[in-house]
Amino acid sequence: MLGAHFESEIREQPDVWRALAASDKAETLAHAIRERDVVLLGSGSSLFMSQLGALALRRRGIRAHALAATEAPLDNVAYRNAAIIACSQSGRSGDLLEALNVLQPKDLIAITNTPDSELGRRANLTIDLAAGPEIAVPASKSVSATAAILLWAAGLMAGTHSRNADSLTETAEDVRSWLDGAGVEAVHEAAQRIARRRSVVIVAAGYGIPVANEFALKLKEASYIHAEGFSAGEFRHGSAAMLDATCAIIGIVDDVARNIVNGPMMEAAQAESLRYVIGGHIGDIPLLGPVAGDAFNTLAWLVAAQMVALYVGRARYVESDAPRGLAKTLV
C-alpha cells in the first residue's frame, strides 16, 4: 500500500509520547537553558518545531528566536556565540552542521533522534528523542516528539504544570483512540475531495502557525499538491484573494484562535472553497482528526495533518514513503 511506512510511523506516535512522559527529557532541557536569549535552529520540519518551541519560550519570558539553518550563512551576526538548541531528526544535515560552523555557539543543546550523529557529538548536551527508526521520508515521530519536549520544557521553566506526564499520557491515549476508531474514515473521505483541488490553504493563529507550515510541508511531500500555511489574520491582508472553488482551506482551531481563524473560513465559504477544520469546531465545518486537551493539543494537530497528507497522497497515487527528488537527509 502506498505510504505504508509513513502510516505505520504515524500510528506509533502515542507510544513514543508515553515513553517521553516516563522520562526526564523535558526537565533536562528546562534545566539546561541557562540564558535569557536562545536560538532554535533547524531545517524543514525541525525548523517548524523550532518556531513552535521559540513561541512557547517567548510566552515564558525567554527571548527565543527560530532560525532556518539554510539562512544562517546570510543571517548570523546577531546570533553568533549564542546559546543554541539545534533540532534535527538525523543529526547529519549538512545545512545544520554548516550553520553551526558559522554561528559558533557558546552553548549547544542537540535535540535529535540520532544521538551518535555528528550533531550529537558536537553538543554540550544531547537529548535523544528515542522515537525509533523513521523509514518514510516525511518525518512524523521525531516531529511530534520534538514538539512535546520543547513545549513541556517551556512550561517547566515558567513553573506551570499543565504540561506534565499525566497530560502527555492522556493526549497519547486520546490520539490512539482516534487512530484506532472510525474518525480516520472521515479523513479518508475528505482526502478524496481535497486531492481534486488545485491548492490547499492552512490557516491558524498562535501555536497553530508553525503547525500550519508543517501541515503544508507534509502535503507537498506526501501528495505533491500545492499547499501553504498562513497566519489566519495575515491571510486576510491580501492572500485571501486566491480563494475560489478550486481551493481547499483547513483551519487549525482552539479556543484562543477560533475567532481569528473564523474570519478566513467564512470568507472561504463565499468563495465556494472546500472547508475543513482540525483541533476544534467552527460552526458546521467538518472536523478532521482527534481532539485533545489544551496542554498538548498541538500533537493531535500534527497527527491530523500527517493523516490528511497520507490520504491525499494515496488519492493522488503518490508513494509518500519516498517522494520524488527527496532524500531522508540532505548532506
Protein backbone atom coordinates (compact mmCIF):
# COMPACT_ATOMS: atom_id res chain seq x y z
CA MET A 1 0.00 0.00 0.00
CA LEU A 2 1.24 3.49 -0.81
CA GLY A 3 2.77 5.18 2.24
CA ALA A 4 2.82 2.00 4.33
CA HIS A 5 5.85 3.09 6.35
CA PHE A 6 4.50 6.62 6.74
CA GLU A 7 1.22 5.32 8.14
CA SER A 8 2.94 2.86 10.47
CA GLU A 9 5.15 5.61 11.88
CA ILE A 10 2.20 7.96 12.34
CA ARG A 11 0.43 5.27 14.35
CA GLU A 12 3.48 4.65 16.55
CA GLN A 13 3.45 8.19 17.95
CA PRO A 14 1.27 7.59 21.03
CA ASP A 15 3.80 5.01 22.25
CA VAL A 16 6.63 7.49 21.68
CA TRP A 17 4.81 10.12 23.76
CA ARG A 18 4.12 7.66 26.56
CA ALA A 19 7.84 6.89 26.71
CA LEU A 20 8.62 10.61 26.84
CA ALA A 21 6.10 11.03 29.66
CA ALA A 22 8.02 8.46 31.68
CA SER A 23 11.38 10.18 31.02
CA ASP A 24 13.16 13.27 32.35
CA LYS A 25 13.99 14.70 28.91
CA ALA A 26 11.83 17.84 29.22
CA GLU A 27 13.14 18.53 32.72
CA THR A 28 16.71 18.05 31.49
CA LEU A 29 16.16 20.57 28.71
CA ALA A 30 14.49 23.09 31.00
CA HIS A 31 17.42 22.95 33.45
CA ALA A 32 19.93 23.26 30.61
CA ILE A 33 18.53 26.53 29.24
CA ARG A 34 20.53 28.99 31.31
CA GLU A 35 20.41 32.02 29.01
CA ARG A 36 17.62 34.55 28.56
CA ASP A 37 18.42 34.66 24.82
CA VAL A 38 18.18 31.38 22.91
CA VAL A 39 18.31 30.48 19.22
CA LEU A 40 16.48 27.39 18.00
CA LEU A 41 17.97 26.08 14.77
CA GLY A 42 16.56 23.63 12.23
CA SER A 43 15.51 22.92 8.66
CA GLY A 44 12.24 21.65 7.23
CA SER A 45 10.03 20.06 9.87
CA SER A 46 12.69 20.72 12.51
CA LEU A 47 12.54 24.43 11.69
CA PHE A 48 8.79 24.49 12.21
CA MET A 49 9.14 22.72 15.56
CA SER A 50 11.86 25.25 16.42
CA GLN A 51 9.33 28.00 15.69
CA LEU A 52 6.83 26.27 17.96
CA GLY A 53 9.41 25.94 20.74
CA ALA A 54 10.57 29.54 20.34
CA LEU A 55 6.99 30.77 20.69
CA ALA A 56 6.47 28.66 23.81
CA LEU A 57 9.68 30.03 25.35
CA ARG A 58 8.81 33.64 24.46
CA ARG A 59 5.50 33.24 26.23
CA ARG A 60 7.54 32.36 29.33
CA GLY A 61 9.74 35.47 29.06
CA ILE A 62 12.70 33.92 27.20
CA ARG A 63 13.94 35.88 24.19
CA ALA A 64 13.85 32.89 21.84
CA HIS A 65 14.36 33.07 18.09
CA ALA A 66 13.91 30.37 15.45
CA LEU A 67 16.45 30.44 12.63
CA ALA A 68 16.47 28.38 9.44
CA ALA A 69 19.80 26.58 9.20
CA THR A 70 19.85 27.30 5.48
CA GLU A 71 19.69 31.06 6.18
CA ALA A 72 22.41 31.15 8.84
CA PRO A 73 25.26 31.84 6.36
CA LEU A 74 23.40 35.03 5.35
CA ASP A 75 21.80 35.96 8.69
CA ASN A 76 24.18 35.30 11.54
CA VAL A 77 25.65 38.47 13.01
CA ALA A 78 23.08 38.79 15.80
CA TYR A 79 23.23 35.06 16.59
CA ARG A 80 26.97 34.38 16.80
CA ASN A 81 28.21 32.89 20.06
CA ALA A 82 24.63 32.45 21.26
CA ALA A 83 23.08 29.59 23.19
CA ILE A 84 21.63 27.33 20.50
CA ILE A 85 19.12 24.49 20.59
CA ALA A 86 19.65 22.54 17.36
CA CYS A 87 16.78 20.30 16.25
CA SER A 88 17.44 17.55 13.73
CA GLN A 89 15.96 14.11 13.16
CA SER A 90 19.17 12.72 11.68
CA GLY A 91 21.81 14.94 13.28
CA ARG A 92 23.65 14.76 9.96
CA SER A 93 22.08 17.57 7.93
CA GLY A 94 24.81 19.40 6.05
CA ASP A 95 22.87 22.67 6.25
CA LEU A 96 22.60 22.42 10.03
CA LEU A 97 26.23 21.50 10.60
CA GLU A 98 27.42 24.31 8.33
CA ALA A 99 25.16 26.75 10.21
CA LEU A 100 26.81 25.71 13.47
CA ASN A 101 30.24 26.33 11.92
CA VAL A 102 29.14 29.88 11.10
CA LEU A 103 27.34 30.59 14.37
CA GLN A 104 29.97 29.11 16.72
CA PRO A 105 27.56 28.70 19.65
CA LYS A 106 28.84 29.21 23.17
CA ASP A 107 26.42 26.52 24.34
CA LEU A 108 24.90 23.86 22.10
CA ILE A 109 21.97 21.64 23.00
CA ALA A 110 21.01 18.99 20.45
CA ILE A 111 17.54 17.51 20.17
CA THR A 112 17.86 14.59 17.78
CA ASN A 113 16.66 11.11 17.02
CA THR A 114 20.27 10.08 16.31
CA PRO A 115 22.39 10.91 19.35
CA ASP A 116 25.53 9.23 17.94
CA SER A 117 25.47 11.61 14.94
CA GLU A 118 27.92 14.46 14.35
CA LEU A 119 25.44 16.89 15.89
CA GLY A 120 25.18 14.73 18.99
CA ARG A 121 28.95 14.57 19.33
CA ARG A 122 29.34 18.34 18.96
CA ALA A 123 26.70 19.27 21.52
CA ASN A 124 27.29 20.08 25.17
CA LEU A 125 24.04 18.26 25.87
CA THR A 126 22.25 15.80 23.60
CA ILE A 127 18.60 14.91 24.17
CA ASP A 128 17.69 11.67 22.43
CA LEU A 129 14.15 11.71 21.05
CA ALA A 130 14.21 7.89 21.13
CA ALA A 131 11.38 7.86 18.59
CA GLY A 132 12.71 4.80 16.81
CA PRO A 133 13.65 4.45 13.13
CA GLU A 134 11.81 6.55 10.56
CA ILE A 135 11.87 4.98 7.10
CA ALA A 136 9.38 7.26 5.35
CA VAL A 137 10.88 10.49 4.07
CA PRO A 138 8.08 12.63 5.61
CA ALA A 139 9.07 12.70 9.29
CA SER A 140 6.36 12.07 11.86
CA LYS A 141 7.50 10.56 15.16
CA SER A 142 10.57 12.75 15.51
CA VAL A 143 8.50 15.86 14.74
CA SER A 144 5.86 15.34 17.41
CA ALA A 145 8.44 14.15 19.95
CA THR A 146 10.44 17.36 19.43
CA ALA A 147 7.26 19.39 19.90
CA ALA A 148 6.37 17.55 23.10
CA ILE A 149 9.79 18.07 24.69
CA LEU A 150 10.03 21.76 23.76
CA LEU A 151 6.51 22.59 24.93
CA TRP A 152 6.86 20.68 28.18
CA ALA A 153 10.27 22.22 28.93
CA ALA A 154 8.90 25.74 28.32
CA GLY A 155 6.09 25.07 30.78
CA LEU A 156 8.53 23.83 33.41
CA MET A 157 10.64 26.96 33.04
CA ALA A 158 7.59 29.08 33.83
CA GLY A 159 6.67 26.97 36.83
CA THR A 160 3.38 25.90 35.27
CA HIS A 161 2.36 22.28 35.48
CA SER A 162 -0.46 21.80 32.98
CA ARG A 163 2.07 20.15 30.68
CA ASN A 164 3.17 17.12 32.62
CA ALA A 165 3.48 13.37 32.37
CA ASP A 166 -0.23 12.84 33.01
CA SER A 167 -1.43 15.31 30.37
CA LEU A 168 1.02 13.92 27.80
CA THR A 169 -0.13 10.38 28.52
CA GLU A 170 -3.75 11.48 28.26
CA THR A 171 -3.06 13.05 24.87
CA ALA A 172 -1.36 9.84 23.74
CA GLU A 173 -4.43 7.82 24.63
CA ASP A 174 -6.86 10.31 23.05
CA VAL A 175 -4.91 10.20 19.79
CA ARG A 176 -4.53 6.41 19.92
CA SER A 177 -8.30 6.03 20.34
CA TRP A 178 -8.90 8.26 17.33
CA LEU A 179 -6.36 6.39 15.19
CA ASP A 180 -8.00 3.08 16.09
CA GLY A 181 -11.55 4.37 15.62
CA ALA A 182 -13.94 5.42 12.90
CA GLY A 183 -12.72 9.02 12.78
CA VAL A 184 -9.94 8.13 10.37
CA GLU A 185 -12.55 7.26 7.75
CA ALA A 186 -13.65 10.92 7.74
CA VAL A 187 -10.07 11.88 6.83
CA HIS A 188 -10.07 9.33 4.02
CA GLU A 189 -13.30 10.74 2.60
CA ALA A 190 -12.11 14.34 2.93
CA ALA A 191 -8.82 13.50 1.26
CA GLN A 192 -10.62 12.27 -1.84
CA ARG A 193 -12.15 15.73 -2.22
CA ILE A 194 -9.02 17.68 -1.23
CA ALA A 195 -6.95 15.74 -3.77
CA ARG A 196 -9.02 17.21 -6.61
CA ARG A 197 -8.27 20.81 -5.59
CA ARG A 198 -5.57 22.97 -7.12
CA SER A 199 -4.31 24.42 -3.84
CA VAL A 200 -4.69 23.87 -0.11
CA VAL A 201 -4.53 26.74 2.38
CA ILE A 202 -3.98 26.09 6.09
CA VAL A 203 -4.80 29.00 8.40
CA ALA A 204 -4.03 29.25 12.09
CA ALA A 205 -3.04 31.55 14.94
CA GLY A 206 -0.59 31.25 17.84
CA TYR A 207 0.79 27.74 18.25
CA GLY A 208 -1.15 26.71 15.17
CA ILE A 209 1.01 28.76 12.79
CA PRO A 210 4.11 26.52 12.91
CA VAL A 211 1.80 23.51 12.69
CA ALA A 212 0.14 25.05 9.61
CA ASN A 213 3.56 25.39 8.00
CA GLU A 214 4.37 21.79 8.87
CA PHE A 215 0.96 20.66 7.55
CA ALA A 216 1.65 22.37 4.22
CA LEU A 217 5.08 20.76 4.02
CA LYS A 218 3.61 17.31 4.66
CA LEU A 219 1.00 17.80 1.92
CA LYS A 220 3.68 18.86 -0.55
CA GLU A 221 5.98 15.97 0.38
CA ALA A 222 3.36 13.25 0.52
CA SER A 223 0.98 14.26 -2.28
CA TYR A 224 2.70 16.88 -4.50
CA ILE A 225 -0.28 19.21 -4.09
CA HIS A 226 0.33 22.94 -3.73
CA ALA A 227 -0.19 23.89 -0.08
CA GLU A 228 0.72 26.89 2.06
CA GLY A 229 0.38 27.70 5.75
CA PHE A 230 -0.67 31.17 6.87
CA SER A 231 -1.36 33.24 9.92
CA ALA A 232 -5.15 33.47 9.74
CA GLY A 233 -5.10 37.20 10.44
CA GLU A 234 -2.39 37.94 7.89
CA PHE A 235 -4.04 35.75 5.26
CA ARG A 236 -6.86 38.28 5.10
CA HIS A 237 -4.37 41.05 4.22
CA GLY A 238 -4.10 40.13 0.54
CA SER A 239 -3.66 36.38 0.21
CA ALA A 240 -7.38 35.70 0.65
CA ALA A 241 -7.79 36.89 -2.95
CA MET A 242 -6.55 33.49 -4.10
CA LEU A 243 -9.60 31.67 -2.67
CA ASP A 244 -12.04 30.17 -5.14
CA ALA A 245 -13.81 26.89 -5.80
CA THR A 246 -10.54 25.23 -6.84
CA CYS A 247 -9.09 25.67 -3.33
CA ALA A 248 -9.44 23.79 -0.06
CA ILE A 249 -8.93 25.62 3.21
CA ILE A 250 -8.23 23.96 6.55
CA GLY A 251 -8.35 25.91 9.81
CA ILE A 252 -6.45 24.93 12.94
CA VAL A 253 -8.73 25.77 15.83
CA ASP A 254 -8.52 26.08 19.60
CA ASP A 255 -10.38 28.35 21.98
CA VAL A 256 -7.79 31.13 21.65
CA ALA A 257 -7.57 31.03 17.86
CA ARG A 258 -11.23 30.35 17.00
CA ASN A 259 -12.33 33.95 16.39
CA ILE A 260 -9.23 34.75 14.34
CA VAL A 261 -9.49 31.61 12.21
CA ASN A 262 -13.23 32.11 11.75
CA GLY A 263 -12.68 35.16 9.51
CA PRO A 264 -10.96 33.47 6.56
CA MET A 265 -13.11 30.36 6.98
CA MET A 266 -16.27 32.44 6.49
CA GLU A 267 -14.76 34.27 3.53
CA ALA A 268 -13.81 30.90 2.03
CA ALA A 269 -17.46 29.89 2.13
CA GLN A 270 -18.35 32.91 0.00
CA ALA A 271 -15.58 31.89 -2.42
CA GLU A 272 -17.01 28.34 -2.55
CA SER A 273 -13.76 26.81 -1.30
CA LEU A 274 -13.79 23.36 0.27
CA ARG A 275 -13.56 23.83 4.06
CA TYR A 276 -12.37 21.69 6.98
CA VAL A 277 -11.06 22.31 10.49
CA ILE A 278 -8.79 20.39 12.85
CA GLY A 279 -8.49 20.82 16.60
CA GLY A 280 -11.96 22.22 17.32
CA HIS A 281 -15.26 23.20 15.78
CA ILE A 282 -16.28 26.29 13.85
CA GLY A 283 -19.98 26.10 13.12
CA ASP A 284 -20.88 23.18 10.89
CA ILE A 285 -17.50 22.93 9.12
CA PRO A 286 -16.41 19.26 9.15
CA LEU A 287 -13.84 18.41 11.82
CA LEU A 288 -10.90 16.17 10.92
CA GLY A 289 -8.59 14.48 13.40
CA PRO A 290 -8.50 13.88 17.14
CA VAL A 291 -9.45 16.36 19.84
CA ALA A 292 -7.11 16.60 22.84
CA GLY A 293 -6.67 18.74 25.93
CA ASP A 294 -5.04 22.15 25.65
CA ALA A 295 -1.72 21.09 27.19
CA PHE A 296 -0.59 19.03 24.19
CA ASN A 297 -3.28 19.68 21.59
CA THR A 298 -0.54 20.59 19.11
CA LEU A 299 0.42 16.90 18.98
CA ALA A 300 -3.12 15.98 17.95
CA TRP A 301 -3.00 18.67 15.26
CA LEU A 302 0.25 17.21 13.91
CA VAL A 303 -1.24 13.72 13.71
CA ALA A 304 -4.32 15.05 11.91
CA ALA A 305 -2.06 16.85 9.43
CA GLN A 306 0.00 13.72 8.83
CA MET A 307 -3.07 11.55 8.22
CA VAL A 308 -4.58 14.08 5.83
CA ALA A 309 -1.29 14.23 3.89
CA LEU A 310 -1.07 10.43 3.79
CA TYR A 311 -4.59 10.00 2.41
CA VAL A 312 -4.33 12.88 -0.06
CA GLY A 313 -1.13 11.24 -1.30
CA ARG A 314 -2.91 7.94 -1.76
CA ALA A 315 -5.77 9.65 -3.59
CA ARG A 316 -3.20 11.15 -5.96
CA TYR A 317 -1.31 7.83 -6.31
CA VAL A 318 1.85 9.18 -4.70
CA GLU A 319 4.30 6.92 -2.89
CA SER A 320 4.69 9.11 0.17
CA ASP A 321 7.33 6.84 1.71
CA ALA A 322 9.77 8.02 -0.96
CA PRO A 323 8.64 11.24 -2.65
CA ARG A 324 10.39 12.12 -5.89
CA GLY A 325 13.53 14.24 -5.62
CA LEU A 326 13.77 13.92 -1.82
CA ALA A 327 16.13 12.07 0.50
CA LYS A 328 15.82 11.41 4.19
CA THR A 329 18.87 13.53 4.98
CA LEU A 330 20.44 16.34 2.94
CA VAL A 331 24.21 16.32 3.29
